[in-house]
Protein backbone atom coordinates (compact mmCIF):
# COMPACT_ATOMS: atom_id res chain seq x y z
CA MET A 1 37.82 20.24 -116.81
CA ASN A 2 36.40 23.52 -115.55
CA ASN A 3 35.89 22.99 -111.83
CA ASP A 4 33.67 26.04 -111.40
CA THR A 5 30.79 24.84 -113.56
CA HIS A 6 27.45 23.65 -112.28
CA PRO A 7 27.87 20.11 -110.89
CA GLN A 8 25.25 18.79 -113.25
CA ALA A 9 27.15 20.17 -116.24
CA GLN A 10 30.23 18.14 -115.26
CA SER A 11 28.45 14.81 -115.63
CA THR A 12 28.94 12.60 -118.62
CA PRO A 13 25.81 11.74 -120.61
CA GLN A 14 26.00 8.16 -119.34
CA SER A 15 26.23 9.15 -115.63
CA SER A 16 24.40 12.44 -115.55
CA PRO A 17 22.39 12.90 -112.35
CA VAL A 18 19.89 15.04 -114.28
CA ALA A 19 16.91 13.21 -115.68
CA PRO A 20 16.91 13.26 -119.53
CA LYS A 21 14.25 15.20 -121.37
CA PRO A 22 11.30 12.97 -122.24
CA ARG A 23 11.21 11.68 -125.83
CA THR A 24 8.32 12.52 -128.09
CA GLY A 25 5.34 10.57 -126.98
CA SER A 26 6.88 9.65 -123.61
CA PRO A 27 5.02 10.47 -120.37
CA ALA A 28 5.46 13.99 -119.06
CA VAL A 29 7.80 14.66 -116.18
CA SER A 30 6.02 14.07 -112.90
CA SER A 31 4.85 17.02 -110.89
CA ALA A 32 7.17 16.01 -108.00
CA ALA A 33 10.21 15.98 -110.29
CA ALA A 34 9.18 19.31 -111.75
CA ALA A 35 8.86 20.79 -108.26
CA ALA A 36 12.31 19.48 -107.32
CA ALA A 37 13.80 20.99 -110.45
CA ALA A 38 12.13 24.31 -109.69
CA ARG A 39 13.65 24.28 -106.21
CA ALA A 40 17.17 23.58 -107.51
CA LEU A 41 19.48 26.53 -106.84
CA PRO A 42 22.21 27.91 -109.12
CA LEU A 43 25.85 27.80 -107.97
CA SER A 44 26.72 31.36 -108.99
CA HIS A 45 26.33 32.62 -105.41
CA LEU A 46 29.09 30.27 -104.16
CA SER A 47 32.83 30.91 -104.18
CA ASP A 48 35.07 28.85 -106.43
CA VAL A 49 36.05 26.40 -103.72
CA GLN A 50 32.46 26.15 -102.48
CA ARG A 51 31.41 25.12 -105.98
CA ARG A 52 34.01 22.37 -105.98
CA VAL A 53 33.36 21.02 -102.46
CA LEU A 54 29.75 20.40 -101.48
CA SER A 55 27.93 18.41 -98.83
CA THR A 56 25.07 16.03 -99.39
CA ALA A 57 22.66 18.64 -98.04
CA GLN A 58 24.01 21.32 -100.38
CA LEU A 59 23.79 19.01 -103.38
CA ARG A 60 20.21 18.19 -102.45
CA GLU A 61 19.43 21.91 -102.46
CA HIS A 62 20.70 21.96 -106.05
CA GLY A 63 18.51 19.09 -107.14
CA ILE A 64 21.03 16.25 -106.76
CA SER A 65 20.06 13.34 -104.54
CA ALA A 66 22.48 11.33 -102.40
CA ALA A 67 22.10 8.38 -104.76
CA LYS A 68 22.98 10.48 -107.79
CA ALA A 69 25.98 11.97 -105.96
CA ALA A 70 27.21 8.48 -105.07
CA ALA A 71 26.83 7.44 -108.70
CA GLN A 72 29.10 10.30 -109.76
CA CYS A 73 31.83 8.91 -107.49
CA ARG A 74 31.95 5.43 -108.99
CA ALA A 75 35.08 4.25 -110.72
CA GLY A 76 35.69 6.45 -113.73
CA GLY A 77 33.16 9.03 -112.52
CA PRO A 78 33.88 12.75 -112.46
CA TRP A 79 33.56 13.26 -108.68
CA GLN A 80 35.07 11.81 -105.51
CA GLN A 81 33.90 11.53 -101.92
CA LEU A 82 36.44 13.17 -99.60
CA LEU A 83 34.66 12.56 -96.30
CA PRO A 84 31.31 11.13 -95.22
CA GLY A 85 28.70 13.33 -96.80
CA VAL A 86 31.27 15.61 -98.49
CA PHE A 87 32.02 15.50 -102.21
CA LEU A 88 34.74 16.98 -104.41
CA LEU A 89 33.34 17.78 -107.84
CA HIS A 90 36.45 16.76 -109.76
CA GLN A 91 39.03 13.97 -109.77
CA GLY A 92 42.66 14.36 -108.77
CA VAL A 93 44.42 15.42 -105.59
CA PRO A 94 42.40 17.99 -103.61
CA THR A 95 44.08 21.31 -102.87
CA SER A 96 44.76 22.42 -99.29
CA GLU A 97 41.86 24.88 -99.57
CA GLU A 98 39.53 22.11 -100.70
CA ARG A 99 40.62 19.89 -97.82
CA LEU A 100 40.01 22.67 -95.30
CA HIS A 101 36.55 23.40 -96.64
CA ALA A 102 35.74 19.70 -96.73
CA ALA A 103 36.82 19.33 -93.10
CA LEU A 104 34.56 22.21 -92.05
CA LEU A 105 31.63 20.84 -94.04
CA TYR A 106 32.04 17.49 -92.29
CA THR A 107 32.40 18.96 -88.78
CA GLY A 108 30.46 22.19 -89.00
CA ARG A 109 27.00 20.86 -89.62
CA GLY A 110 24.27 22.62 -87.71
CA GLU A 111 24.68 25.86 -85.81
CA GLU A 112 27.28 24.73 -83.27
CA GLY A 113 30.14 25.15 -85.70
CA ALA A 114 33.76 24.03 -85.81
CA VAL A 115 37.17 25.70 -85.79
CA ILE A 116 40.47 24.83 -87.51
CA THR A 117 43.18 24.31 -84.88
CA GLY A 118 46.56 22.60 -84.42
CA LEU A 119 49.25 22.73 -87.10
CA ALA A 120 46.71 23.62 -89.79
CA ALA A 121 45.71 26.72 -87.82
CA LEU A 122 49.37 27.68 -87.30
CA ALA A 123 49.98 27.33 -91.03
CA LEU A 124 47.04 29.68 -91.64
CA HIS A 125 48.56 32.07 -89.08
CA ARG A 126 51.65 31.94 -91.36
CA PHE A 127 53.99 30.17 -88.93
CA SER A 128 57.22 29.34 -90.73
CA SER A 129 57.80 26.51 -88.23
CA ALA A 130 54.55 24.77 -89.20
CA PRO A 131 54.57 22.32 -92.12
CA PRO A 132 52.72 23.41 -95.28
CA LEU A 133 49.03 22.56 -95.34
CA LEU A 134 49.40 20.03 -98.14
CA GLY A 135 52.06 18.24 -96.13
CA LEU A 136 49.76 17.61 -93.16
CA GLU A 137 48.42 14.11 -92.80
CA HIS A 138 45.65 15.32 -90.50
CA LEU A 139 43.69 18.54 -90.18
CA ASP A 140 42.71 19.20 -86.56
CA VAL A 141 39.19 20.57 -86.17
CA MET A 142 37.84 21.68 -82.80
CA VAL A 143 34.18 21.03 -82.01
CA PRO A 144 32.08 21.30 -78.83
CA ARG A 145 32.37 18.25 -76.64
CA THR A 146 28.67 17.52 -77.07
CA ARG A 147 28.98 17.01 -80.84
CA ARG A 148 28.74 13.36 -81.86
CA LEU A 149 31.51 13.28 -84.43
CA ARG A 150 34.44 10.94 -84.97
CA SER A 151 37.82 11.41 -86.56
CA VAL A 152 37.78 10.11 -90.12
CA GLY A 153 40.06 10.33 -93.14
CA PHE A 154 42.28 13.40 -92.86
CA VAL A 155 40.08 15.04 -90.19
CA ARG A 156 41.11 14.67 -86.55
CA ILE A 157 38.49 15.79 -84.05
CA VAL A 158 39.58 17.92 -81.07
CA ARG A 159 36.87 18.27 -78.44
CA ALA A 160 36.40 21.35 -76.27
CA HIS A 161 33.94 22.33 -73.54
CA ALA A 162 33.39 25.56 -75.49
CA LEU A 163 34.88 26.94 -78.67
CA PRO A 164 37.36 29.78 -78.11
CA GLY A 165 37.05 33.16 -79.73
CA THR A 166 38.03 32.58 -83.33
CA GLN A 167 39.84 34.54 -86.00
CA VAL A 168 38.70 34.48 -89.61
CA ILE A 169 41.59 33.85 -92.02
CA THR A 170 40.88 33.53 -95.75
CA GLY A 171 37.24 33.08 -94.83
CA LEU A 172 37.92 30.17 -92.45
CA PRO A 173 37.31 30.07 -88.66
CA VAL A 174 40.71 29.57 -87.03
CA ALA A 175 41.61 29.03 -83.37
CA PRO A 176 43.69 31.72 -81.63
CA VAL A 177 47.42 31.05 -81.64
CA ALA A 178 47.79 29.98 -78.00
CA ARG A 179 45.08 27.33 -78.31
CA ALA A 180 46.32 26.20 -81.73
CA VAL A 181 49.82 25.78 -80.30
CA ALA A 182 48.54 23.56 -77.48
CA ASP A 183 46.51 21.40 -79.88
CA ALA A 184 49.54 21.06 -82.17
CA VAL A 185 51.94 20.20 -79.33
CA ALA A 186 49.55 17.50 -78.10
CA HIS A 187 50.48 15.39 -81.14
CA LEU A 188 54.17 16.32 -81.47
CA THR A 189 57.09 14.30 -80.12
CA ASP A 190 59.82 16.29 -81.92
CA ALA A 191 61.31 18.44 -79.12
CA ASP A 192 63.04 20.79 -81.56
CA LEU A 193 59.82 21.46 -83.46
CA VAL A 194 57.95 22.12 -80.21
CA ARG A 195 60.60 24.67 -79.16
CA ARG A 196 60.50 26.39 -82.54
CA ILE A 197 56.71 26.66 -82.54
CA LEU A 198 56.60 28.09 -79.01
CA ALA A 199 59.41 30.53 -79.75
CA GLU A 200 57.78 31.75 -82.98
CA ALA A 201 54.48 32.36 -81.19
CA VAL A 202 56.22 34.81 -78.85
CA ARG A 203 58.84 36.31 -81.17
CA GLY A 204 56.24 36.89 -83.84
CA GLY A 205 54.09 38.85 -81.40
CA HIS A 206 51.16 36.43 -81.73
CA CYS A 207 50.68 36.02 -77.97
CA GLU A 208 52.44 36.17 -74.63
CA PRO A 209 54.18 33.18 -73.00
CA ALA A 210 51.64 33.13 -70.18
CA ALA A 211 48.79 32.51 -72.64
CA ILE A 212 50.62 29.54 -74.17
CA VAL A 213 51.52 28.04 -70.81
CA ARG A 214 47.93 28.42 -69.66
CA GLU A 215 46.66 26.42 -72.64
CA LEU A 216 49.38 23.78 -72.24
CA ASN A 217 48.49 23.47 -68.57
CA LEU A 218 44.77 23.08 -69.32
CA ALA A 219 45.68 20.37 -71.85
CA ARG A 220 47.84 18.64 -69.20
CA LEU A 221 50.90 18.72 -71.42
CA LEU A 222 53.38 20.28 -68.98
CA THR A 223 54.26 16.89 -67.51
CA ARG A 224 55.87 15.82 -70.79
CA PRO A 225 59.63 16.42 -70.47
CA HIS A 226 60.15 17.85 -73.97
CA VAL A 227 57.22 20.24 -73.48
CA SER A 228 58.38 21.32 -70.02
CA ASP A 229 61.89 22.04 -71.34
CA ALA A 230 60.46 24.09 -74.21
CA VAL A 231 58.30 26.07 -71.78
CA ASP A 232 61.29 26.89 -69.56
CA ALA A 233 63.14 28.28 -72.58
CA LEU A 234 60.00 30.13 -73.67
CA LEU A 235 59.53 31.84 -70.31
CA ALA A 236 63.16 32.94 -70.20
CA GLU A 237 62.86 34.40 -73.68
CA GLY A 238 59.51 35.98 -72.88
CA ARG A 239 60.93 37.79 -69.87
CA SER A 240 63.87 39.03 -71.93
CA ILE A 241 61.49 40.43 -74.57
CA ALA A 242 59.37 42.10 -71.88
CA GLU A 243 62.47 43.68 -70.31
CA ASP A 244 63.50 45.06 -73.70
CA ARG A 245 60.05 46.60 -74.10
CA LEU A 246 60.30 48.15 -70.64
CA TYR A 247 63.70 49.68 -71.45
CA ALA A 248 62.30 51.05 -74.71
CA MET A 249 59.23 52.49 -72.96
CA VAL A 250 61.34 54.44 -70.45
CA SER A 251 63.52 55.81 -73.23
CA ASP A 252 60.83 56.52 -75.82
CA PHE A 253 58.50 58.32 -73.43
CA GLY A 254 61.19 60.36 -71.71
CA LEU A 255 60.82 58.87 -68.24
CA PRO A 256 63.65 59.42 -65.74
CA ASP A 257 66.30 56.71 -65.80
CA PRO A 258 65.70 54.16 -63.01
CA LEU A 259 68.00 51.65 -61.39
CA TRP A 260 67.49 48.45 -63.35
CA ASN A 261 67.04 44.94 -61.92
CA VAL A 262 67.77 45.54 -58.26
CA ASP A 263 67.11 43.89 -54.92
CA LEU A 264 65.68 45.92 -52.05
CA ARG A 265 66.57 45.37 -48.38
CA LEU A 266 66.00 47.11 -45.10
CA PRO A 267 69.26 48.28 -43.50
CA GLY A 268 70.48 45.32 -41.48
CA GLY A 269 67.11 43.72 -42.06
CA PRO A 270 65.39 41.20 -44.29
CA HIS A 271 65.39 40.95 -48.05
CA LEU A 272 62.33 42.73 -49.44
CA GLY A 273 62.48 41.28 -52.96
CA GLY A 274 63.67 42.16 -56.42
CA VAL A 275 62.13 44.67 -58.83
CA ASP A 276 62.76 45.34 -62.50
CA ALA A 277 63.10 49.12 -62.17
CA PHE A 278 63.39 51.43 -59.15
CA TRP A 279 63.36 55.21 -58.82
CA PRO A 280 64.87 55.81 -55.33
CA ASP A 281 64.11 59.56 -55.22
CA GLN A 282 60.42 58.93 -55.85
CA SER A 283 60.24 55.52 -54.10
CA VAL A 284 58.54 53.95 -57.13
CA ALA A 285 59.22 50.40 -58.32
CA VAL A 286 58.12 48.60 -61.48
CA GLU A 287 57.70 44.85 -61.53
CA LEU A 288 57.04 42.80 -64.64
CA ASP A 289 54.38 40.19 -64.04
CA THR A 290 55.74 37.29 -66.09
CA ARG A 291 54.23 34.56 -63.98
CA ALA A 292 53.37 31.42 -65.89
CA PRO A 293 49.97 29.91 -65.05
CA ARG A 294 51.22 26.54 -63.89
CA GLN A 295 49.83 24.43 -61.11
CA ASP A 296 51.60 26.51 -58.41
CA GLU A 297 50.09 29.77 -59.68
CA ASP A 298 48.25 30.52 -56.42
CA ALA A 299 51.41 30.16 -54.35
CA LEU A 300 53.38 32.34 -56.74
CA TRP A 301 50.70 35.03 -56.74
CA SER A 302 50.69 34.99 -52.92
CA GLU A 303 54.43 35.66 -52.97
CA TYR A 304 53.92 38.58 -55.38
CA ALA A 305 51.12 39.98 -53.21
CA ARG A 306 53.12 39.69 -49.98
CA LYS A 307 56.08 41.49 -51.50
CA ARG A 308 53.92 44.27 -52.88
CA GLU A 309 52.07 44.77 -49.58
CA HIS A 310 55.35 44.87 -47.63
CA LEU A 311 56.90 47.44 -49.97
CA GLU A 312 53.81 49.63 -49.93
CA ARG A 313 53.69 49.58 -46.13
CA LEU A 314 57.18 51.04 -46.33
CA GLY A 315 55.92 53.82 -48.60
CA ILE A 316 57.19 52.36 -51.90
CA THR A 317 54.71 52.44 -54.77
CA VAL A 318 54.80 49.24 -56.81
CA VAL A 319 53.55 49.37 -60.42
CA HIS A 320 52.81 45.96 -61.94
CA LEU A 321 53.11 45.74 -65.72
CA THR A 322 52.31 42.70 -67.84
CA PRO A 323 54.14 41.81 -71.08
CA GLN A 324 50.85 41.96 -72.96
CA LYS A 325 50.08 45.52 -71.81
CA LEU A 326 53.61 46.61 -72.63
CA ARG A 327 53.16 45.23 -76.13
CA GLU A 328 49.62 46.41 -76.83
CA ALA A 329 49.32 49.67 -74.85
CA THR A 330 52.80 51.01 -74.21
CA ASP A 331 51.63 54.63 -74.05
CA GLN A 332 49.09 53.81 -71.34
CA GLN A 333 51.67 51.96 -69.25
CA ALA A 334 54.11 54.87 -69.58
CA ALA A 335 51.36 57.20 -68.34
CA VAL A 336 50.76 54.94 -65.32
CA VAL A 337 54.44 55.03 -64.39
CA ARG A 338 54.69 58.78 -64.97
CA THR A 339 51.65 59.37 -62.76
CA ALA A 340 53.18 57.30 -59.95
CA LEU A 341 56.43 59.29 -60.19
CA MET A 342 54.62 62.64 -60.12
CA ALA A 343 52.41 61.60 -57.19
CA SER A 344 55.44 60.90 -55.02
CA VAL A 345 55.66 64.59 -54.00
CA ASP A 346 52.30 64.29 -52.24
CA ARG A 347 53.19 61.18 -50.26
CA ASP A 348 54.92 60.84 -46.94
CA PRO A 349 58.63 59.97 -47.24
CA ALA A 350 59.26 56.30 -47.68
CA ALA A 351 61.39 54.18 -45.39
CA TYR A 352 65.07 54.04 -46.22
CA VAL A 353 65.99 50.90 -48.16
CA VAL A 354 69.26 49.46 -49.36
CA VAL A 355 69.46 48.93 -53.13
CA LEU A 356 71.68 46.10 -54.41
CA PRO A 357 72.25 44.71 -57.92
CA ARG A 358 70.12 41.65 -58.63
């Protein structure tokens, strides 16, 4: 059967939703029916999948009532109802694309919209660790919390106070990776799969560890042991990746070689803290801000701020770099460090500090 034909053309003569032409001598078609037929729209403006998956409202726009659509889905009929108010205009197993469009037709009614999230979103982001779309029992769809929708069939509703900024992939609204990861992890008990998904999000350059941890924290998932363990491994790997980018930045942009990963102390005095790179002749330090936004974020930030203030009182310039800025704007971060090194000649000499390996 050609799935791209007009839905009325797919009907058998016995079950056609289109009224038959009047026989000779029969009453003329009523003016109301004629008006409805005149309002019916062609399907040529729709994509292939949109011609195969239509909602009750869309079918009505094309002259097909809800009753006629239901008749097409009876046993032996040419159509099937995938979800409430959503019809597939052929028999057989729906494709992954048809299921995705059906899910959005069911959830995206009105102007408030809906977004694919969870494992389905990760599959669309081409995660190798995510199962194929056809292998997913449920498609997670995020909607505003105020929408009165329920999970049904293969659609699982995920409620949010507000929809995040979305990406459009193959014409579909898809949640950003960090949010999709959190929505996927919420339904996963396989610790190995959770670790692989989190690792791929960072290794693949989709987002930084801090963004993932923030979403997991907002979803209150960090109390689950297998999630907490995966996050610890993620943060360690994320810092290692950020350090590699910092080494590459210094080399690629011709910055002077610093002392790497050192602790600073006052002679015979207290420990001032560790830094990721230190130029003793210029009294400039670089610190990677790889804090994870967990529940103790305020306390951790206070520790960062105290260390920075103490070092700067001693005349040491502290440059904070984030993994995201190192990844997305390496040239700008190199310029910031170079400017700090060059400005050292105009500053008063810094206090003498002892430098020890960290």
